Amino acid sequence: MASPTQAYAPLWLKVLVIVMGLLIIAGFVVIAAEIARRMSTPNAGRSPASSGSSAFAQRIALPSGARVVSMNAAGDRLVVHVETQGGPSAAYVVDPRNGALLGTIEFPPGAGR
């Protein structure tokens, strides 16, 4: 004949397994919901709307006679290719969220490796 403690051990194990299984399922649901939320709004934490305004106006001074040749997205940056008359070509790296000039890369003519 089984003692009372041996009879309740399987019940506690069943309850413990069920509770842990429910916690695992709840964890997967939370993780899946968070991934879906981040995929639907990839830049939600870094959007211009979070800083108070959704539009901006920025002027970036170019050398005299310079012209914009192309613009390309590179990750979360905008690279503007600029050519000057008789001077070096340059790439202006811009943050498209606020229009800030992050840096300039010059390509002098005749510079080899």
N, C-alpha and C. Protein backbone atom coordinates (compact mmCIF):
# COMPACT_ATOMS: atom_id res chain seq x y z
N MET A 1 0.84 -1.17 0.00
CA MET A 1 0.00 0.00 0.00
C MET A 1 0.89 1.24 0.00
N ALA A 2 0.51 2.24 -0.78
CA ALA A 2 1.31 3.45 -0.92
C ALA A 2 1.03 4.40 0.22
N SER A 3 2.08 5.08 0.65
CA SER A 3 1.91 6.05 1.72
C SER A 3 1.28 7.32 1.15
N PRO A 4 0.71 8.22 1.99
CA PRO A 4 0.06 9.44 1.50
C PRO A 4 1.02 10.37 0.74
N THR A 5 2.29 10.43 1.13
CA THR A 5 3.21 11.33 0.44
C THR A 5 3.53 10.81 -0.96
N GLN A 6 3.57 9.48 -1.13
CA GLN A 6 3.82 8.93 -2.44
C GLN A 6 2.62 9.13 -3.36
N ALA A 7 1.44 9.17 -2.85
CA ALA A 7 0.24 9.35 -3.67
C ALA A 7 0.14 10.78 -4.19
N TYR A 8 0.62 11.78 -3.42
CA TYR A 8 0.52 13.17 -3.85
C TYR A 8 1.71 13.61 -4.72
N ALA A 9 2.79 12.90 -4.72
CA ALA A 9 3.96 13.30 -5.51
C ALA A 9 3.63 13.39 -7.00
N PRO A 10 2.96 12.44 -7.61
CA PRO A 10 2.63 12.58 -9.03
C PRO A 10 1.70 13.77 -9.30
N LEU A 11 0.80 14.10 -8.37
CA LEU A 11 -0.09 15.24 -8.56
C LEU A 11 0.71 16.54 -8.58
N TRP A 12 1.66 16.69 -7.67
CA TRP A 12 2.49 17.90 -7.64
C TRP A 12 3.36 17.99 -8.89
N LEU A 13 3.86 16.85 -9.31
CA LEU A 13 4.66 16.85 -10.53
C LEU A 13 3.82 17.26 -11.74
N LYS A 14 2.59 16.77 -11.81
CA LYS A 14 1.70 17.13 -12.91
C LYS A 14 1.40 18.62 -12.90
N VAL A 15 1.10 19.16 -11.73
CA VAL A 15 0.81 20.59 -11.60
C VAL A 15 2.04 21.41 -11.99
N LEU A 16 3.20 21.00 -11.52
CA LEU A 16 4.44 21.71 -11.83
C LEU A 16 4.74 21.69 -13.34
N VAL A 17 4.57 20.55 -13.96
CA VAL A 17 4.81 20.43 -15.40
C VAL A 17 3.82 21.28 -16.19
N ILE A 18 2.57 21.29 -15.80
CA ILE A 18 1.55 22.09 -16.48
C ILE A 18 1.85 23.58 -16.33
N VAL A 19 2.22 24.02 -15.13
CA VAL A 19 2.54 25.44 -14.89
C VAL A 19 3.76 25.85 -15.71
N MET A 20 4.80 25.02 -15.72
CA MET A 20 5.99 25.36 -16.50
C MET A 20 5.69 25.37 -17.99
N GLY A 21 4.87 24.46 -18.45
CA GLY A 21 4.47 24.45 -19.86
C GLY A 21 3.72 25.72 -20.24
N LEU A 22 2.81 26.16 -19.36
CA LEU A 22 2.07 27.40 -19.62
C LEU A 22 2.99 28.61 -19.63
N LEU A 23 3.99 28.63 -18.74
CA LEU A 23 4.96 29.73 -18.73
C LEU A 23 5.78 29.75 -20.01
N ILE A 24 6.17 28.60 -20.50
CA ILE A 24 6.93 28.54 -21.76
C ILE A 24 6.08 29.04 -22.92
N ILE A 25 4.83 28.61 -22.98
CA ILE A 25 3.93 29.06 -24.05
C ILE A 25 3.71 30.57 -23.96
N ALA A 26 3.50 31.09 -22.75
CA ALA A 26 3.32 32.53 -22.59
C ALA A 26 4.57 33.29 -23.01
N GLY A 27 5.74 32.75 -22.69
CA GLY A 27 6.99 33.39 -23.10
C GLY A 27 7.13 33.44 -24.61
N PHE A 28 6.81 32.36 -25.30
CA PHE A 28 6.87 32.34 -26.76
C PHE A 28 5.87 33.34 -27.36
N VAL A 29 4.69 33.44 -26.78
CA VAL A 29 3.70 34.39 -27.28
C VAL A 29 4.21 35.82 -27.12
N VAL A 30 4.79 36.14 -25.98
CA VAL A 30 5.33 37.49 -25.76
C VAL A 30 6.46 37.79 -26.73
N ILE A 31 7.37 36.84 -26.92
CA ILE A 31 8.48 37.04 -27.85
C ILE A 31 7.97 37.21 -29.28
N ALA A 32 7.03 36.39 -29.71
CA ALA A 32 6.48 36.50 -31.07
C ALA A 32 5.77 37.84 -31.26
N ALA A 33 5.03 38.28 -30.25
CA ALA A 33 4.34 39.58 -30.36
C ALA A 33 5.34 40.73 -30.44
N GLU A 34 6.42 40.66 -29.69
CA GLU A 34 7.43 41.72 -29.72
C GLU A 34 8.16 41.74 -31.06
N ILE A 35 8.47 40.58 -31.60
CA ILE A 35 9.12 40.52 -32.92
C ILE A 35 8.19 41.08 -33.99
N ALA A 36 6.92 40.72 -33.94
CA ALA A 36 5.95 41.24 -34.91
C ALA A 36 5.81 42.76 -34.79
N ARG A 37 5.81 43.27 -33.56
CA ARG A 37 5.70 44.71 -33.36
C ARG A 37 6.91 45.44 -33.91
N ARG A 38 8.10 44.90 -33.66
CA ARG A 38 9.33 45.54 -34.15
C ARG A 38 9.45 45.45 -35.67
N MET A 39 8.96 44.36 -36.26
CA MET A 39 9.02 44.25 -37.71
C MET A 39 8.05 45.20 -38.39
N SER A 40 6.93 45.47 -37.76
CA SER A 40 5.95 46.37 -38.38
C SER A 40 6.35 47.83 -38.22
N THR A 41 7.13 48.18 -37.20
CA THR A 41 7.63 49.54 -37.01
C THR A 41 9.11 49.47 -36.68
N PRO A 42 9.99 49.31 -37.71
CA PRO A 42 11.41 49.08 -37.44
C PRO A 42 12.13 50.25 -36.80
N ASN A 43 11.72 51.49 -37.06
CA ASN A 43 12.42 52.65 -36.51
C ASN A 43 11.52 53.42 -35.54
N ALA A 44 10.66 52.73 -34.84
CA ALA A 44 9.71 53.42 -33.96
C ALA A 44 10.41 54.21 -32.87
N GLY A 45 11.47 53.66 -32.30
CA GLY A 45 12.18 54.35 -31.22
C GLY A 45 13.04 55.49 -31.69
N ARG A 46 13.35 55.54 -33.00
CA ARG A 46 14.27 56.53 -33.50
C ARG A 46 13.63 57.46 -34.52
N SER A 47 12.31 57.48 -34.59
CA SER A 47 11.65 58.28 -35.62
C SER A 47 11.66 59.76 -35.25
N PRO A 48 11.60 60.65 -36.26
CA PRO A 48 11.55 62.08 -35.98
C PRO A 48 10.31 62.47 -35.19
N ALA A 49 9.22 61.71 -35.33
CA ALA A 49 8.00 62.04 -34.61
C ALA A 49 8.21 61.95 -33.10
N SER A 50 9.13 61.08 -32.66
CA SER A 50 9.36 60.95 -31.23
C SER A 50 10.07 62.17 -30.65
N SER A 51 10.73 62.97 -31.50
CA SER A 51 11.43 64.15 -31.01
C SER A 51 10.53 65.38 -31.01
N GLY A 52 9.29 65.24 -31.44
CA GLY A 52 8.36 66.35 -31.35
C GLY A 52 7.91 66.90 -32.69
N SER A 53 8.68 66.73 -33.76
CA SER A 53 8.25 67.21 -35.06
C SER A 53 8.52 66.14 -36.09
N SER A 54 7.66 66.07 -37.10
CA SER A 54 7.82 65.04 -38.11
C SER A 54 8.49 65.58 -39.37
N ALA A 55 8.71 66.88 -39.48
CA ALA A 55 9.35 67.45 -40.65
C ALA A 55 10.56 68.26 -40.22
N PHE A 56 11.51 68.42 -41.13
CA PHE A 56 12.68 69.22 -40.83
C PHE A 56 13.13 69.91 -42.11
N ALA A 57 13.87 70.96 -41.95
CA ALA A 57 14.48 71.66 -43.07
C ALA A 57 15.95 71.87 -42.71
N GLN A 58 16.83 71.41 -43.57
CA GLN A 58 18.25 71.49 -43.28
C GLN A 58 18.96 71.96 -44.53
N ARG A 59 19.89 72.89 -44.37
CA ARG A 59 20.71 73.36 -45.49
C ARG A 59 22.13 72.86 -45.28
N ILE A 60 22.66 72.23 -46.30
CA ILE A 60 24.04 71.76 -46.27
C ILE A 60 24.80 72.56 -47.32
N ALA A 61 25.78 73.31 -46.88
CA ALA A 61 26.54 74.17 -47.79
C ALA A 61 27.48 73.34 -48.65
N LEU A 62 27.38 73.55 -49.96
CA LEU A 62 28.27 72.89 -50.91
C LEU A 62 29.25 73.92 -51.44
N PRO A 63 30.43 73.48 -51.88
CA PRO A 63 31.38 74.43 -52.46
C PRO A 63 30.79 75.11 -53.69
N SER A 64 31.30 76.26 -54.03
CA SER A 64 30.82 77.02 -55.19
C SER A 64 31.01 76.19 -56.45
N GLY A 65 29.98 76.09 -57.28
CA GLY A 65 30.03 75.35 -58.52
C GLY A 65 29.83 73.85 -58.36
N ALA A 66 29.56 73.38 -57.17
CA ALA A 66 29.37 71.95 -56.94
C ALA A 66 27.98 71.52 -57.37
N ARG A 67 27.86 70.25 -57.74
CA ARG A 67 26.55 69.72 -58.11
C ARG A 67 26.38 68.34 -57.50
N VAL A 68 25.16 68.03 -57.15
CA VAL A 68 24.83 66.72 -56.58
C VAL A 68 24.68 65.75 -57.74
N VAL A 69 25.47 64.66 -57.70
CA VAL A 69 25.44 63.66 -58.77
C VAL A 69 24.43 62.56 -58.44
N SER A 70 24.47 62.07 -57.21
CA SER A 70 23.56 60.99 -56.83
C SER A 70 23.37 60.97 -55.32
N MET A 71 22.33 60.26 -54.91
CA MET A 71 22.08 60.02 -53.49
C MET A 71 21.76 58.53 -53.33
N ASN A 72 22.35 57.91 -52.32
CA ASN A 72 22.13 56.49 -52.07
C ASN A 72 21.91 56.27 -50.58
N ALA A 73 21.00 55.34 -50.27
CA ALA A 73 20.81 54.95 -48.88
C ALA A 73 21.85 53.90 -48.53
N ALA A 74 22.49 54.06 -47.38
CA ALA A 74 23.48 53.10 -46.89
C ALA A 74 23.14 52.83 -45.43
N GLY A 75 22.43 51.74 -45.19
CA GLY A 75 21.97 51.45 -43.83
C GLY A 75 20.94 52.49 -43.42
N ASP A 76 21.18 53.14 -42.31
CA ASP A 76 20.28 54.20 -41.87
C ASP A 76 20.88 55.58 -42.15
N ARG A 77 21.71 55.67 -43.18
CA ARG A 77 22.35 56.93 -43.57
C ARG A 77 22.05 57.21 -45.04
N LEU A 78 22.18 58.47 -45.43
CA LEU A 78 22.04 58.89 -46.81
C LEU A 78 23.40 59.40 -47.27
N VAL A 79 23.91 58.87 -48.38
CA VAL A 79 25.21 59.29 -48.91
C VAL A 79 24.94 60.09 -50.18
N VAL A 80 25.39 61.35 -50.18
CA VAL A 80 25.18 62.25 -51.30
C VAL A 80 26.52 62.42 -52.02
N HIS A 81 26.57 62.03 -53.30
CA HIS A 81 27.79 62.16 -54.09
C HIS A 81 27.78 63.54 -54.74
N VAL A 82 28.82 64.33 -54.48
CA VAL A 82 28.92 65.70 -54.96
C VAL A 82 30.19 65.84 -55.79
N GLU A 83 30.07 66.49 -56.96
CA GLU A 83 31.24 66.79 -57.79
C GLU A 83 31.41 68.30 -57.84
N THR A 84 32.67 68.75 -57.75
CA THR A 84 32.97 70.17 -57.85
C THR A 84 33.72 70.43 -59.15
N GLN A 85 33.69 71.68 -59.60
CA GLN A 85 34.40 72.03 -60.83
C GLN A 85 35.89 72.14 -60.53
N GLY A 86 36.67 71.22 -61.08
CA GLY A 86 38.11 71.26 -60.90
C GLY A 86 38.60 70.82 -59.54
N GLY A 87 37.71 70.50 -58.64
CA GLY A 87 38.10 70.08 -57.30
C GLY A 87 37.81 68.61 -57.09
N PRO A 88 38.00 68.15 -55.88
CA PRO A 88 37.77 66.72 -55.61
C PRO A 88 36.27 66.40 -55.52
N SER A 89 35.94 65.17 -55.86
CA SER A 89 34.59 64.68 -55.61
C SER A 89 34.48 64.40 -54.11
N ALA A 90 33.26 64.41 -53.63
CA ALA A 90 33.07 64.18 -52.20
C ALA A 90 31.79 63.41 -51.96
N ALA A 91 31.73 62.74 -50.84
CA ALA A 91 30.53 62.05 -50.39
C ALA A 91 30.12 62.69 -49.07
N TYR A 92 28.91 63.19 -49.02
CA TYR A 92 28.37 63.78 -47.80
C TYR A 92 27.48 62.73 -47.15
N VAL A 93 27.75 62.40 -45.89
CA VAL A 93 26.97 61.42 -45.16
C VAL A 93 25.97 62.17 -44.29
N VAL A 94 24.67 61.90 -44.53
CA VAL A 94 23.59 62.65 -43.90
C VAL A 94 22.69 61.69 -43.13
N ASP A 95 22.21 62.14 -41.99
CA ASP A 95 21.21 61.39 -41.23
C ASP A 95 19.84 61.78 -41.80
N PRO A 96 19.13 60.85 -42.47
CA PRO A 96 17.87 61.23 -43.10
C PRO A 96 16.73 61.52 -42.13
N ARG A 97 16.89 61.16 -40.87
CA ARG A 97 15.82 61.42 -39.90
C ARG A 97 15.75 62.88 -39.50
N ASN A 98 16.90 63.58 -39.51
CA ASN A 98 16.87 64.98 -39.09
C ASN A 98 17.67 65.89 -40.02
N GLY A 99 18.27 65.34 -41.06
CA GLY A 99 19.00 66.15 -42.03
C GLY A 99 20.37 66.59 -41.59
N ALA A 100 20.87 66.08 -40.49
CA ALA A 100 22.18 66.50 -39.98
C ALA A 100 23.30 65.92 -40.82
N LEU A 101 24.29 66.75 -41.13
CA LEU A 101 25.49 66.32 -41.85
C LEU A 101 26.39 65.60 -40.85
N LEU A 102 26.64 64.32 -41.09
CA LEU A 102 27.44 63.51 -40.17
C LEU A 102 28.92 63.52 -40.53
N GLY A 103 29.22 63.72 -41.81
CA GLY A 103 30.62 63.75 -42.20
C GLY A 103 30.76 63.91 -43.69
N THR A 104 31.99 64.19 -44.11
CA THR A 104 32.31 64.37 -45.53
C THR A 104 33.53 63.53 -45.85
N ILE A 105 33.48 62.85 -46.99
CA ILE A 105 34.61 62.06 -47.47
C ILE A 105 35.02 62.64 -48.82
N GLU A 106 36.27 63.09 -48.94
CA GLU A 106 36.73 63.66 -50.20
C GLU A 106 37.53 62.64 -50.99
N PHE A 107 37.41 62.73 -52.33
CA PHE A 107 38.13 61.85 -53.24
C PHE A 107 38.95 62.72 -54.18
N PRO A 108 40.19 63.04 -53.78
CA PRO A 108 41.02 63.91 -54.63
C PRO A 108 41.38 63.21 -55.94
N PRO A 109 41.46 63.98 -57.05
CA PRO A 109 41.80 63.36 -58.33
C PRO A 109 43.25 62.88 -58.32
N GLY A 110 43.47 61.74 -58.96
CA GLY A 110 44.81 61.21 -59.10
C GLY A 110 45.34 60.49 -57.88
N ALA A 111 44.56 60.36 -56.84
CA ALA A 111 45.02 59.65 -55.64
C ALA A 111 44.90 58.17 -55.88
N GLY A 112 46.02 57.48 -55.88
CA GLY A 112 46.01 56.02 -56.12
C GLY A 112 46.16 55.27 -54.82
N ARG A 113 46.15 53.97 -54.95
CA ARG A 113 46.29 53.13 -53.75
C ARG A 113 47.70 53.00 -53.36
